[in-house]
Amino acid sequence: MLSSTRLPLSDALATAVSAAHAAASILQAHAAHRDRLVIDTKAKNDLVSQADRDAEMAALDILRTQTPEFGIVAEESGGDSKGLATWYIDPLDGTTNFLHGIPHYAVSIALVAHAGSIIAGDTPITCDTPVVAVVYDPNREELFTAMYGTGAWLNQQRLRCTDTNTLDDALLATGFPFRDFSFADHYLPTLNAGIRRTRGIRRNGAAALDLAWVACGRFDGYWEMGLAPWDVAAGTLIVREAGGVCQDMFQQHTWPKSGHVVASNAPLHNALQEMIAPCLGYTPTR
């Protein structure tokens, strides 16, 4: 039983790194000729270009060839969650930045293990859990990686979140509603609270990098609403393996697959949750 249900995490991480580099190469090739890109609008402020599609295909080719036993859910081509684990792929997180020539975007790839798979010890897990993560920023050549139970890295450097323990001293990141405005009335009070109670707020436009930057200490915390699972799957694990906390904002799921995410270093997390929760109409559990 163990051999058929144990996930080969090291091999999966190597595969994800290869897929991320392949996708990034495509992105950077397109970046030199942005004026030639065919751009479609999926919904208001939700853009997709040929760069997104080509980068996703490059990543999918590697993942399908090397890990055919895993499911795949990709932003542009969809897919199915199946088997012992599923890849979640965002080939270009920060599409709007990319299309406007702003060098802040990334490839995000995560493997989420499903209930029944074994990732550590001999006991199968009982709920979905991100177990392998890659976020690659090709402009800075920064490769963020993580593997369940072993840590997180930026290139060859081990990552640790900050130890900031008050909102007064915290620099936070966030993301504004840009596509779905149904939750704007809940989100805007959280932004107002953050502006008034912290050292500062940044909005950079790439959720995967916001989470990775929490893990490496550039931000003390981050929150956003209305994202997709592929936006946050990799970053969730990177933050957790760097000693931080990354949760579903409404505390309904074991990882923020709903797209409502709050993340921070461990000492700050209760304060950040308590800043956000009154605006959302719930009391956070500790």
Protein backbone atom coordinates (compact mmCIF):
# COMPACT_ATOMS: atom_id res chain seq x y z
CA MET A 1 0.00 0.00 0.00
CA LEU A 2 2.71 2.47 0.91
CA SER A 3 4.54 2.27 -2.40
CA SER A 4 1.38 2.93 -4.41
CA THR A 5 0.15 5.87 -2.34
CA ARG A 6 3.39 7.62 -1.34
CA LEU A 7 4.08 10.73 -3.40
CA PRO A 8 7.64 11.16 -4.75
CA LEU A 9 7.97 14.78 -3.68
CA SER A 10 11.61 15.32 -4.64
CA ASP A 11 11.00 14.09 -8.17
CA ALA A 12 7.84 16.17 -8.42
CA LEU A 13 9.71 19.30 -7.31
CA ALA A 14 12.39 18.77 -9.96
CA THR A 15 9.67 18.34 -12.57
CA ALA A 16 7.92 21.52 -11.45
CA VAL A 17 11.16 23.50 -11.63
CA SER A 18 11.77 22.28 -15.19
CA ALA A 19 8.22 23.18 -16.18
CA ALA A 20 8.49 26.65 -14.64
CA HIS A 21 11.74 27.39 -16.46
CA ALA A 22 10.23 26.21 -19.76
CA ALA A 23 7.20 28.44 -19.30
CA ALA A 24 9.33 31.43 -18.28
CA SER A 25 11.49 31.07 -21.38
CA ILE A 26 8.38 31.41 -23.50
CA LEU A 27 7.22 34.45 -21.55
CA GLN A 28 10.52 36.25 -21.91
CA ALA A 29 10.61 35.54 -25.63
CA HIS A 30 7.17 37.11 -25.98
CA ALA A 31 8.12 39.99 -23.66
CA ALA A 32 10.52 41.30 -26.28
CA HIS A 33 7.64 41.64 -28.76
CA ARG A 34 4.62 42.60 -26.70
CA ASP A 35 3.23 44.76 -29.50
CA ARG A 36 2.71 41.62 -31.59
CA LEU A 37 0.75 39.67 -28.98
CA VAL A 38 -2.83 38.64 -29.62
CA ILE A 39 -4.79 39.63 -26.51
CA ASP A 40 -8.26 38.38 -25.64
CA THR A 41 -10.61 39.47 -22.88
CA LYS A 42 -12.10 36.62 -20.84
CA ALA A 43 -14.06 39.05 -18.66
CA LYS A 44 -13.75 42.65 -17.50
CA ASN A 45 -10.08 43.27 -16.65
CA ASP A 46 -9.36 39.54 -17.11
CA LEU A 47 -6.94 39.33 -20.01
CA VAL A 48 -5.21 36.42 -21.71
CA SER A 49 -2.53 36.62 -24.36
CA GLN A 50 -0.71 34.21 -26.60
CA ALA A 51 2.13 34.41 -24.10
CA ASP A 52 -0.12 32.92 -21.38
CA ARG A 53 -1.26 30.11 -23.67
CA ASP A 54 2.19 29.25 -25.05
CA ALA A 55 3.79 29.29 -21.61
CA GLU A 56 1.08 27.05 -20.24
CA MET A 57 1.54 24.53 -23.06
CA ALA A 58 5.29 24.42 -22.42
CA ALA A 59 4.68 23.64 -18.75
CA LEU A 60 1.95 21.11 -19.50
CA ASP A 61 4.14 19.20 -21.94
CA ILE A 62 6.69 18.54 -19.20
CA LEU A 63 4.18 17.80 -16.45
CA ARG A 64 2.13 15.41 -18.59
CA THR A 65 5.19 13.58 -19.83
CA GLN A 66 6.93 13.18 -16.49
CA THR A 67 3.92 12.83 -14.14
CA PRO A 68 1.04 11.34 -16.15
CA GLU A 69 -0.48 9.89 -12.99
CA PHE A 70 -1.37 13.32 -11.57
CA GLY A 71 -4.35 15.51 -12.35
CA ILE A 72 -3.87 18.97 -13.82
CA VAL A 73 -5.82 22.18 -13.31
CA ALA A 74 -4.42 25.04 -15.39
CA GLU A 75 -5.66 28.60 -15.68
CA GLU A 76 -6.07 28.73 -19.44
CA SER A 77 -6.88 25.14 -20.44
CA GLY A 78 -8.71 23.95 -17.34
CA GLY A 79 -8.44 20.28 -16.43
CA ASP A 80 -9.46 17.91 -13.69
CA SER A 81 -8.45 17.15 -10.12
CA LYS A 82 -7.79 13.42 -9.91
CA GLY A 83 -5.55 10.66 -8.60
CA LEU A 84 -3.31 11.06 -5.58
CA ALA A 85 -2.38 14.65 -6.44
CA THR A 86 -3.14 17.46 -8.87
CA TRP A 87 -0.95 20.13 -10.41
CA TYR A 88 -2.25 23.72 -10.19
CA ILE A 89 -0.65 25.92 -12.83
CA ASP A 90 -0.67 29.65 -13.46
CA PRO A 91 1.64 30.18 -16.45
CA LEU A 92 1.64 33.95 -16.06
CA ASP A 93 0.60 35.41 -12.73
CA GLY A 94 0.52 39.14 -13.32
CA THR A 95 -0.74 39.20 -16.91
CA THR A 96 -1.71 42.87 -16.77
CA ASN A 97 1.77 43.80 -15.53
CA PHE A 98 3.29 41.72 -18.33
CA LEU A 99 1.16 43.32 -21.04
CA HIS A 100 2.02 46.82 -19.82
CA GLY A 101 5.75 46.11 -19.66
CA ILE A 102 5.91 46.10 -15.86
CA PRO A 103 8.60 43.54 -14.91
CA HIS A 104 6.68 41.97 -12.04
CA TYR A 105 5.10 38.63 -12.92
CA ALA A 106 5.80 34.97 -12.35
CA VAL A 107 5.13 31.36 -13.24
CA SER A 108 3.37 29.51 -10.42
CA ILE A 109 3.16 25.70 -10.19
CA ALA A 110 1.99 23.65 -7.21
CA LEU A 111 1.22 20.01 -6.52
CA VAL A 112 -1.72 19.48 -4.17
CA ALA A 113 -1.91 16.04 -2.55
CA HIS A 114 -5.36 14.51 -2.09
CA ALA A 115 -6.79 12.59 0.82
CA GLY A 116 -5.40 9.06 0.92
CA SER A 117 -1.93 9.90 -0.34
CA ILE A 118 1.13 9.59 1.89
CA ILE A 119 3.49 12.54 2.07
CA ALA A 120 5.30 11.92 5.36
CA GLY A 121 5.54 8.98 7.73
CA ASP A 122 3.20 6.08 7.05
CA THR A 123 -0.20 7.69 7.59
CA PRO A 124 -2.31 8.87 4.65
CA ILE A 125 -3.45 12.48 4.78
CA THR A 126 -7.12 13.19 5.34
CA CYS A 127 -7.50 16.46 3.42
CA ASP A 128 -6.07 18.21 0.39
CA THR A 129 -2.64 19.73 1.08
CA PRO A 130 -0.15 21.64 -1.12
CA VAL A 131 3.08 19.62 -1.02
CA VAL A 132 5.32 20.95 -3.81
CA ALA A 133 5.61 24.58 -4.91
CA VAL A 134 7.51 26.64 -7.45
CA VAL A 135 7.15 30.37 -8.09
CA TYR A 136 9.63 31.68 -10.64
CA ASP A 137 10.22 35.38 -11.31
CA PRO A 138 12.13 35.47 -14.62
CA ASN A 139 12.91 39.18 -14.45
CA ARG A 140 14.89 38.87 -11.21
CA GLU A 141 15.83 35.23 -11.87
CA GLU A 142 14.39 34.38 -8.46
CA LEU A 143 13.25 30.80 -8.03
CA PHE A 144 11.09 30.24 -4.94
CA THR A 145 10.59 26.57 -4.08
CA ALA A 146 9.13 24.56 -1.24
CA MET A 147 8.47 20.94 -0.36
CA TYR A 148 6.18 19.74 2.40
CA GLY A 149 8.00 19.22 5.68
CA THR A 150 11.44 20.22 4.39
CA GLY A 151 11.43 24.00 4.01
CA ALA A 152 11.32 26.80 1.46
CA TRP A 153 14.13 28.38 -0.57
CA LEU A 154 14.91 31.36 -2.75
CA ASN A 155 17.45 30.00 -5.20
CA GLN A 156 19.85 28.33 -2.74
CA GLN A 157 18.94 30.37 0.35
CA ARG A 158 16.64 28.97 3.04
CA LEU A 159 13.66 31.23 3.69
CA ARG A 160 12.19 32.45 6.96
CA CYS A 161 9.36 34.89 7.46
CA THR A 162 9.97 38.00 9.55
CA ASP A 163 9.37 38.15 13.30
CA THR A 164 7.44 41.45 13.22
CA ASN A 165 4.75 41.14 15.88
CA THR A 166 2.69 44.32 15.66
CA LEU A 167 0.67 45.85 12.85
CA ASP A 168 2.25 49.23 13.63
CA ASP A 169 5.61 47.86 12.45
CA ALA A 170 4.27 45.74 9.59
CA LEU A 171 4.53 46.28 5.85
CA LEU A 172 1.64 44.46 4.18
CA ALA A 173 0.68 43.58 0.64
CA THR A 174 -2.80 43.29 -0.80
CA GLY A 175 -4.70 43.05 -4.05
CA PHE A 176 -7.66 45.19 -5.08
CA PRO A 177 -10.86 43.79 -6.61
CA PHE A 178 -10.24 43.96 -10.34
CA ARG A 179 -12.52 41.40 -12.00
CA ASP A 180 -15.25 40.42 -9.53
CA PHE A 181 -16.56 43.40 -7.59
CA SER A 182 -19.23 41.50 -5.65
CA PHE A 183 -17.05 41.51 -2.52
CA ALA A 184 -15.79 45.10 -2.84
CA ASP A 185 -17.95 46.30 0.05
CA HIS A 186 -16.26 43.73 2.30
CA TYR A 187 -12.76 44.33 0.96
CA LEU A 188 -12.60 48.14 1.05
CA PRO A 189 -13.00 48.41 4.85
CA THR A 190 -10.07 45.99 5.24
CA LEU A 191 -7.95 48.28 3.10
CA ASN A 192 -9.01 51.29 5.14
CA ALA A 193 -8.07 49.46 8.33
CA GLY A 194 -4.71 48.46 6.88
CA ILE A 195 -3.87 51.98 5.76
CA ARG A 196 -4.58 53.35 9.22
CA ARG A 197 -3.01 50.62 11.36
CA THR A 198 0.18 49.51 9.58
CA ARG A 199 3.50 50.89 8.39
CA GLY A 200 2.32 50.70 4.82
CA ILE A 201 0.38 48.80 2.14
CA ARG A 202 1.68 47.69 -1.26
CA ARG A 203 -0.30 46.45 -4.26
CA ASN A 204 2.02 44.91 -6.85
CA GLY A 205 -0.38 42.85 -8.96
CA ALA A 206 0.97 39.29 -8.75
CA ALA A 207 -0.46 37.16 -5.95
CA ALA A 208 2.10 34.36 -6.25
CA LEU A 209 4.93 36.86 -5.74
CA ASP A 210 3.11 38.58 -2.88
CA LEU A 211 3.02 35.25 -1.05
CA ALA A 212 6.62 34.43 -1.94
CA TRP A 213 7.68 37.85 -0.66
CA VAL A 214 5.97 37.16 2.67
CA ALA A 215 8.03 33.98 2.86
CA CYS A 216 11.32 35.77 2.18
CA GLY A 217 10.58 38.65 4.55
CA ARG A 218 9.96 41.50 2.13
CA PHE A 219 6.38 41.69 3.38
CA ASP A 220 5.18 40.87 6.88
CA GLY A 221 1.73 39.86 5.67
CA TYR A 222 -0.68 39.80 2.75
CA TRP A 223 -4.39 39.48 2.12
CA GLU A 224 -6.57 39.40 -0.98
CA MET A 225 -10.00 38.27 -2.12
CA GLY A 226 -11.37 36.92 -5.39
CA LEU A 227 -8.36 34.94 -6.56
CA ALA A 228 -8.28 31.46 -8.12
CA PRO A 229 -6.75 28.27 -6.68
CA TRP A 230 -3.82 28.37 -9.10
CA ASP A 231 -2.97 31.90 -7.91
CA VAL A 232 -2.38 30.80 -4.32
CA ALA A 233 -1.56 27.05 -4.24
CA ALA A 234 2.21 27.40 -4.61
CA GLY A 235 2.53 30.50 -2.47
CA THR A 236 0.57 28.88 0.34
CA LEU A 237 3.16 26.14 0.75
CA ILE A 238 6.11 28.51 0.38
CA VAL A 239 4.79 30.69 3.21
CA ARG A 240 4.03 27.71 5.44
CA GLU A 241 7.42 26.13 4.90
CA ALA A 242 9.08 29.46 5.69
CA GLY A 243 7.48 29.38 9.14
CA GLY A 244 4.48 31.53 8.30
CA VAL A 245 0.74 31.01 8.27
CA CYS A 246 -1.39 30.99 5.12
CA GLN A 247 -5.11 30.37 5.44
CA ASP A 248 -8.47 30.64 3.81
CA MET A 249 -9.71 34.03 4.99
CA PHE A 250 -13.07 32.57 6.05
CA GLN A 251 -11.41 29.48 7.60
CA GLN A 252 -13.61 27.12 5.60
CA HIS A 253 -10.87 25.19 3.76
CA THR A 254 -7.53 23.69 4.75
CA TRP A 255 -5.80 25.86 2.15
CA PRO A 256 -7.14 29.03 0.50
CA LYS A 257 -8.49 27.35 -2.64
CA SER A 258 -11.49 29.69 -2.46
CA GLY A 259 -9.18 32.54 -3.44
CA HIS A 260 -9.76 34.49 -0.22
CA VAL A 261 -6.31 34.40 1.34
CA VAL A 262 -4.58 35.84 4.38
CA ALA A 263 -0.92 35.14 5.08
CA SER A 264 1.75 36.44 7.41
CA ASN A 265 4.57 35.52 9.71
CA ALA A 266 3.41 33.53 12.74
CA PRO A 267 3.60 36.29 15.41
CA LEU A 268 1.51 38.72 13.35
CA HIS A 269 -1.19 36.36 12.14
CA ASN A 270 -3.76 36.79 14.92
CA ALA A 271 -3.53 40.58 14.67
CA LEU A 272 -3.93 40.50 10.89
CA GLN A 273 -6.91 38.15 11.11
CA GLU A 274 -8.51 40.35 13.76
CA MET A 275 -8.01 43.43 11.58
CA ILE A 276 -9.74 41.78 8.64
CA ALA A 277 -12.46 39.71 10.31
CA PRO A 278 -14.80 42.51 11.48
CA CYS A 279 -15.08 43.70 7.89
CA LEU A 280 -16.11 40.22 6.75
CA GLY A 281 -18.71 39.56 9.41
CA TYR A 282 -17.13 36.65 11.26
CA THR A 283 -15.02 36.00 14.34
CA PRO A 284 -11.72 34.25 13.58
CA THR A 285 -10.73 31.19 15.56
CA ARG A 286 -7.27 31.01 17.10
